[in-house]
């Protein structure tokens, strides 16, 4: 058994909400331990990391788009020339309506 962490510590480690980690534990993806002295729930870090690596239904927030994602950079757009004359926008007035 490895290092034990609380549910909020595990959640922040993988960038997920605490409730998500609780749901994963409730589905049996990894065991939870209860400390009789503090009555807090703890998770073995090694068991959690193994479950995270082997279960595709548990998505690691440290990898925001998953294993098969293709992320491409946008083309760099040129900055507007500060010395260029300002463009004027023509605004047409609405016709007046006589009552």
N, C-alpha and C. Protein backbone atom coordinates (compact mmCIF):
# COMPACT_ATOMS: atom_id res chain seq x y z
N UNK A 1 0.82 -1.17 0.00
CA UNK A 1 0.00 0.00 0.00
C UNK A 1 0.87 1.24 0.00
N UNK A 2 0.44 2.21 -0.79
CA UNK A 2 1.21 3.44 -0.91
C UNK A 2 0.66 4.56 -0.04
N UNK A 3 0.94 5.74 -0.45
CA UNK A 3 0.55 6.94 0.25
C UNK A 3 -0.97 7.12 0.17
N UNK A 4 -1.60 7.52 1.27
CA UNK A 4 -3.05 7.70 1.31
C UNK A 4 -3.39 9.19 1.27
N UNK A 5 -4.40 9.53 0.46
CA UNK A 5 -4.84 10.92 0.34
C UNK A 5 -6.34 11.01 0.57
N UNK A 6 -6.80 12.18 0.97
CA UNK A 6 -8.24 12.40 1.14
C UNK A 6 -8.89 12.55 -0.24
N UNK A 7 -10.20 12.45 -0.28
CA UNK A 7 -10.92 12.60 -1.55
C UNK A 7 -10.69 13.98 -2.19
N UNK A 8 -10.74 15.08 -1.42
CA UNK A 8 -10.45 16.38 -2.05
C UNK A 8 -9.02 16.46 -2.60
N UNK A 9 -8.06 15.83 -1.92
CA UNK A 9 -6.68 15.83 -2.43
C UNK A 9 -6.58 15.06 -3.74
N UNK A 10 -7.25 13.92 -3.81
CA UNK A 10 -7.25 13.13 -5.05
C UNK A 10 -7.92 13.92 -6.17
N UNK A 11 -9.05 14.55 -5.86
CA UNK A 11 -9.79 15.32 -6.88
C UNK A 11 -8.95 16.46 -7.44
N UNK A 12 -8.27 17.19 -6.57
CA UNK A 12 -7.45 18.30 -7.06
C UNK A 12 -6.24 17.79 -7.84
N UNK A 13 -5.76 16.63 -7.49
CA UNK A 13 -4.61 16.04 -8.19
C UNK A 13 -4.92 15.73 -9.65
N UNK A 14 -6.16 15.28 -9.92
CA UNK A 14 -6.54 14.92 -11.29
C UNK A 14 -7.49 15.94 -11.91
N UNK A 15 -7.63 17.10 -11.27
CA UNK A 15 -8.45 18.20 -11.77
C UNK A 15 -9.89 17.78 -12.04
N UNK A 16 -10.48 17.15 -11.05
CA UNK A 16 -11.88 16.73 -11.11
C UNK A 16 -12.57 17.20 -9.84
N UNK A 17 -13.88 17.25 -9.89
CA UNK A 17 -14.66 17.63 -8.71
C UNK A 17 -14.65 16.47 -7.72
N UNK A 18 -14.76 16.80 -6.43
CA UNK A 18 -14.77 15.76 -5.39
C UNK A 18 -15.91 14.78 -5.63
N UNK A 19 -17.05 15.29 -6.06
CA UNK A 19 -18.21 14.42 -6.30
C UNK A 19 -17.90 13.40 -7.40
N UNK A 20 -17.13 13.78 -8.40
CA UNK A 20 -16.74 12.85 -9.46
C UNK A 20 -15.92 11.70 -8.89
N UNK A 21 -14.96 12.03 -8.03
CA UNK A 21 -14.14 10.99 -7.40
C UNK A 21 -15.00 10.10 -6.51
N UNK A 22 -15.96 10.68 -5.81
CA UNK A 22 -16.88 9.87 -4.99
C UNK A 22 -17.70 8.92 -5.86
N UNK A 23 -18.15 9.40 -7.01
CA UNK A 23 -18.92 8.55 -7.93
C UNK A 23 -18.06 7.39 -8.45
N UNK A 24 -16.81 7.69 -8.81
CA UNK A 24 -15.91 6.64 -9.28
C UNK A 24 -15.72 5.57 -8.20
N UNK A 25 -15.55 6.01 -6.96
CA UNK A 25 -15.38 5.06 -5.85
C UNK A 25 -16.66 4.26 -5.66
N UNK A 26 -17.80 4.92 -5.77
CA UNK A 26 -19.09 4.24 -5.62
C UNK A 26 -19.34 3.21 -6.70
N UNK A 27 -18.75 3.41 -7.86
CA UNK A 27 -18.88 2.45 -8.95
C UNK A 27 -17.86 1.32 -8.83
N UNK A 28 -17.02 1.39 -7.81
CA UNK A 28 -16.08 0.31 -7.55
C UNK A 28 -14.80 0.35 -8.36
N UNK A 29 -14.47 1.52 -8.91
CA UNK A 29 -13.25 1.62 -9.71
C UNK A 29 -11.99 1.49 -8.86
N UNK A 30 -12.07 1.87 -7.58
CA UNK A 30 -10.94 1.76 -6.65
C UNK A 30 -11.51 1.71 -5.24
N UNK A 31 -10.80 1.12 -4.29
CA UNK A 31 -11.31 1.04 -2.91
C UNK A 31 -11.08 2.34 -2.14
N UNK A 32 -11.93 2.53 -1.14
CA UNK A 32 -11.80 3.67 -0.22
C UNK A 32 -11.57 3.10 1.17
N UNK A 33 -10.73 3.75 1.94
CA UNK A 33 -10.45 3.34 3.31
C UNK A 33 -10.95 4.42 4.26
N UNK A 34 -11.44 4.00 5.41
CA UNK A 34 -11.89 4.95 6.42
C UNK A 34 -10.94 4.90 7.60
N UNK A 35 -10.41 6.05 7.95
CA UNK A 35 -9.51 6.16 9.09
C UNK A 35 -10.35 6.20 10.36
N UNK A 36 -10.23 5.19 11.26
CA UNK A 36 -11.07 5.17 12.46
C UNK A 36 -10.78 6.33 13.42
N UNK A 37 -9.57 6.84 13.40
CA UNK A 37 -9.22 7.92 14.32
C UNK A 37 -9.84 9.25 13.89
N UNK A 38 -9.75 9.57 12.59
CA UNK A 38 -10.26 10.85 12.11
C UNK A 38 -11.63 10.73 11.44
N UNK A 39 -12.05 9.49 11.14
CA UNK A 39 -13.31 9.20 10.45
C UNK A 39 -13.35 9.81 9.05
N UNK A 40 -12.17 10.02 8.48
CA UNK A 40 -12.10 10.55 7.12
C UNK A 40 -11.90 9.41 6.14
N UNK A 41 -12.40 9.61 4.93
CA UNK A 41 -12.20 8.63 3.87
C UNK A 41 -10.88 8.91 3.17
N UNK A 42 -10.12 7.85 2.92
CA UNK A 42 -8.81 7.97 2.29
C UNK A 42 -8.74 7.05 1.07
N UNK A 43 -7.88 7.43 0.15
CA UNK A 43 -7.68 6.66 -1.08
C UNK A 43 -6.19 6.39 -1.20
N UNK A 44 -5.86 5.14 -1.50
CA UNK A 44 -4.47 4.76 -1.73
C UNK A 44 -4.07 5.31 -3.11
N UNK A 45 -3.05 6.15 -3.15
CA UNK A 45 -2.64 6.81 -4.38
C UNK A 45 -2.24 5.82 -5.47
N UNK A 46 -1.51 4.77 -5.11
CA UNK A 46 -1.08 3.77 -6.10
C UNK A 46 -2.29 3.06 -6.72
N UNK A 47 -3.26 2.68 -5.88
CA UNK A 47 -4.46 2.00 -6.38
C UNK A 47 -5.28 2.94 -7.27
N UNK A 48 -5.34 4.21 -6.88
CA UNK A 48 -6.09 5.17 -7.68
C UNK A 48 -5.43 5.38 -9.04
N UNK A 49 -4.12 5.57 -9.06
CA UNK A 49 -3.40 5.79 -10.33
C UNK A 49 -3.54 4.57 -11.24
N UNK A 50 -3.51 3.37 -10.67
CA UNK A 50 -3.69 2.16 -11.47
C UNK A 50 -5.09 2.12 -12.08
N UNK A 51 -6.10 2.45 -11.27
CA UNK A 51 -7.48 2.47 -11.78
C UNK A 51 -7.63 3.52 -12.86
N UNK A 52 -7.01 4.66 -12.69
CA UNK A 52 -7.08 5.74 -13.66
C UNK A 52 -6.44 5.33 -14.98
N UNK A 53 -5.36 4.59 -14.90
CA UNK A 53 -4.65 4.16 -16.11
C UNK A 53 -5.37 3.04 -16.85
N UNK A 54 -6.12 2.21 -16.13
CA UNK A 54 -6.72 1.03 -16.75
C UNK A 54 -8.20 1.17 -17.06
N UNK A 55 -8.87 2.17 -16.52
CA UNK A 55 -10.31 2.30 -16.72
C UNK A 55 -10.61 3.47 -17.66
N UNK A 56 -11.12 3.20 -18.86
CA UNK A 56 -11.38 4.29 -19.80
C UNK A 56 -12.53 5.21 -19.37
N UNK A 57 -13.35 4.78 -18.43
CA UNK A 57 -14.46 5.62 -17.97
C UNK A 57 -14.02 6.68 -16.97
N UNK A 58 -12.80 6.55 -16.48
CA UNK A 58 -12.23 7.56 -15.58
C UNK A 58 -11.28 8.42 -16.40
N UNK A 59 -11.68 9.65 -16.71
CA UNK A 59 -10.83 10.52 -17.53
C UNK A 59 -9.99 11.42 -16.63
N UNK A 60 -8.71 11.40 -16.89
CA UNK A 60 -7.73 12.17 -16.11
C UNK A 60 -7.78 13.63 -16.56
N UNK A 61 -8.04 14.54 -15.63
CA UNK A 61 -8.09 15.95 -15.95
C UNK A 61 -6.75 16.54 -16.31
N UNK A 62 -5.68 15.84 -16.01
CA UNK A 62 -4.35 16.33 -16.38
C UNK A 62 -4.11 16.15 -17.87
N UNK A 63 -4.97 15.35 -18.53
CA UNK A 63 -4.93 15.15 -19.98
C UNK A 63 -6.29 15.61 -20.49
N UNK A 64 -6.47 16.91 -20.73
CA UNK A 64 -7.81 17.46 -20.91
C UNK A 64 -8.61 16.91 -22.08
N UNK A 65 -7.99 16.37 -23.11
CA UNK A 65 -8.77 15.92 -24.26
C UNK A 65 -8.69 14.43 -24.51
N UNK A 66 -8.05 13.70 -23.65
CA UNK A 66 -7.94 12.26 -23.84
C UNK A 66 -6.76 11.87 -24.71
N UNK A 67 -6.56 10.57 -24.83
CA UNK A 67 -5.39 10.04 -25.52
C UNK A 67 -5.43 10.26 -27.03
N UNK A 68 -6.60 10.14 -27.66
CA UNK A 68 -6.68 10.18 -29.12
C UNK A 68 -6.92 11.55 -29.70
N UNK A 69 -6.88 12.60 -28.89
CA UNK A 69 -7.21 13.94 -29.37
C UNK A 69 -6.13 14.48 -30.29
N UNK A 70 -6.58 15.21 -31.30
CA UNK A 70 -5.66 15.91 -32.20
C UNK A 70 -5.86 17.40 -31.94
N UNK A 71 -4.85 18.04 -31.42
CA UNK A 71 -4.92 19.47 -31.11
C UNK A 71 -3.96 20.19 -32.04
N UNK A 72 -4.50 21.12 -32.80
CA UNK A 72 -3.67 21.86 -33.76
C UNK A 72 -3.61 23.34 -33.36
N UNK A 73 -2.51 23.97 -33.65
CA UNK A 73 -2.35 25.39 -33.35
C UNK A 73 -3.06 26.21 -34.42
N UNK A 74 -3.66 27.31 -34.01
CA UNK A 74 -4.27 28.22 -34.96
C UNK A 74 -3.18 29.01 -35.66
N UNK A 75 -3.43 29.43 -36.91
CA UNK A 75 -2.43 30.26 -37.57
C UNK A 75 -2.32 31.61 -36.88
N UNK A 76 -1.13 32.14 -36.84
CA UNK A 76 -0.89 33.41 -36.18
C UNK A 76 -1.42 34.52 -37.09
N UNK A 77 -2.25 35.39 -36.53
CA UNK A 77 -2.79 36.50 -37.31
C UNK A 77 -1.91 37.72 -37.11
N UNK A 78 -1.80 38.50 -38.18
CA UNK A 78 -0.97 39.70 -38.13
C UNK A 78 -1.62 40.74 -37.22
N UNK A 79 -0.78 41.43 -36.49
CA UNK A 79 -1.27 42.51 -35.64
C UNK A 79 -1.65 43.70 -36.53
N UNK A 80 -2.69 44.45 -36.18
CA UNK A 80 -3.02 45.62 -36.99
C UNK A 80 -1.91 46.67 -36.88
N UNK A 81 -1.67 47.35 -37.99
CA UNK A 81 -0.62 48.37 -38.03
C UNK A 81 -1.09 49.60 -37.26
N UNK A 82 -0.38 49.98 -36.19
CA UNK A 82 -0.84 51.15 -35.42
C UNK A 82 -0.70 52.45 -36.20
N UNK A 83 0.12 52.49 -37.25
CA UNK A 83 0.32 53.70 -38.04
C UNK A 83 -0.66 53.81 -39.19
N UNK A 84 -1.43 52.78 -39.44
CA UNK A 84 -2.40 52.80 -40.53
C UNK A 84 -3.55 53.73 -40.16
N UNK A 85 -4.12 54.42 -41.16
CA UNK A 85 -5.25 55.31 -40.85
C UNK A 85 -6.44 54.51 -40.34
N UNK A 86 -7.17 55.13 -39.46
CA UNK A 86 -8.33 54.46 -38.88
C UNK A 86 -9.41 54.29 -39.94
N UNK A 87 -10.12 53.20 -39.90
CA UNK A 87 -11.21 52.97 -40.84
C UNK A 87 -12.46 53.66 -40.31
N UNK A 88 -13.12 54.32 -41.18
CA UNK A 88 -14.36 55.00 -40.79
C UNK A 88 -15.53 54.10 -41.14
N UNK A 89 -16.46 54.04 -40.24
CA UNK A 89 -17.66 53.24 -40.47
C UNK A 89 -18.80 54.20 -40.74
N UNK A 90 -19.47 53.97 -41.85
CA UNK A 90 -20.59 54.83 -42.23
C UNK A 90 -21.86 54.33 -41.57
N UNK A 91 -22.48 55.21 -40.81
CA UNK A 91 -23.72 54.87 -40.15
C UNK A 91 -24.82 55.72 -40.76
N UNK A 92 -25.82 55.07 -41.26
CA UNK A 92 -26.93 55.81 -41.86
C UNK A 92 -27.97 56.08 -40.80
N UNK A 93 -28.47 57.27 -40.82
CA UNK A 93 -29.50 57.66 -39.85
C UNK A 93 -30.83 57.05 -40.26
N UNK A 94 -31.63 56.74 -39.27
CA UNK A 94 -32.95 56.21 -39.56
C UNK A 94 -33.85 57.35 -40.03
N UNK A 95 -34.72 57.06 -40.97
CA UNK A 95 -35.61 58.15 -41.43
C UNK A 95 -36.58 58.56 -40.32
N UNK A 96 -36.82 59.86 -40.27
CA UNK A 96 -37.72 60.37 -39.25
C UNK A 96 -39.15 60.03 -39.65
N UNK A 97 -39.94 59.66 -38.67
CA UNK A 97 -41.33 59.35 -38.92
C UNK A 97 -42.20 60.45 -38.35
N UNK A 98 -43.02 61.02 -39.22
CA UNK A 98 -43.90 62.09 -38.75
C UNK A 98 -45.16 61.50 -38.15
N UNK A 99 -45.59 62.05 -37.06
CA UNK A 99 -46.77 61.54 -36.39
C UNK A 99 -48.02 62.23 -36.82
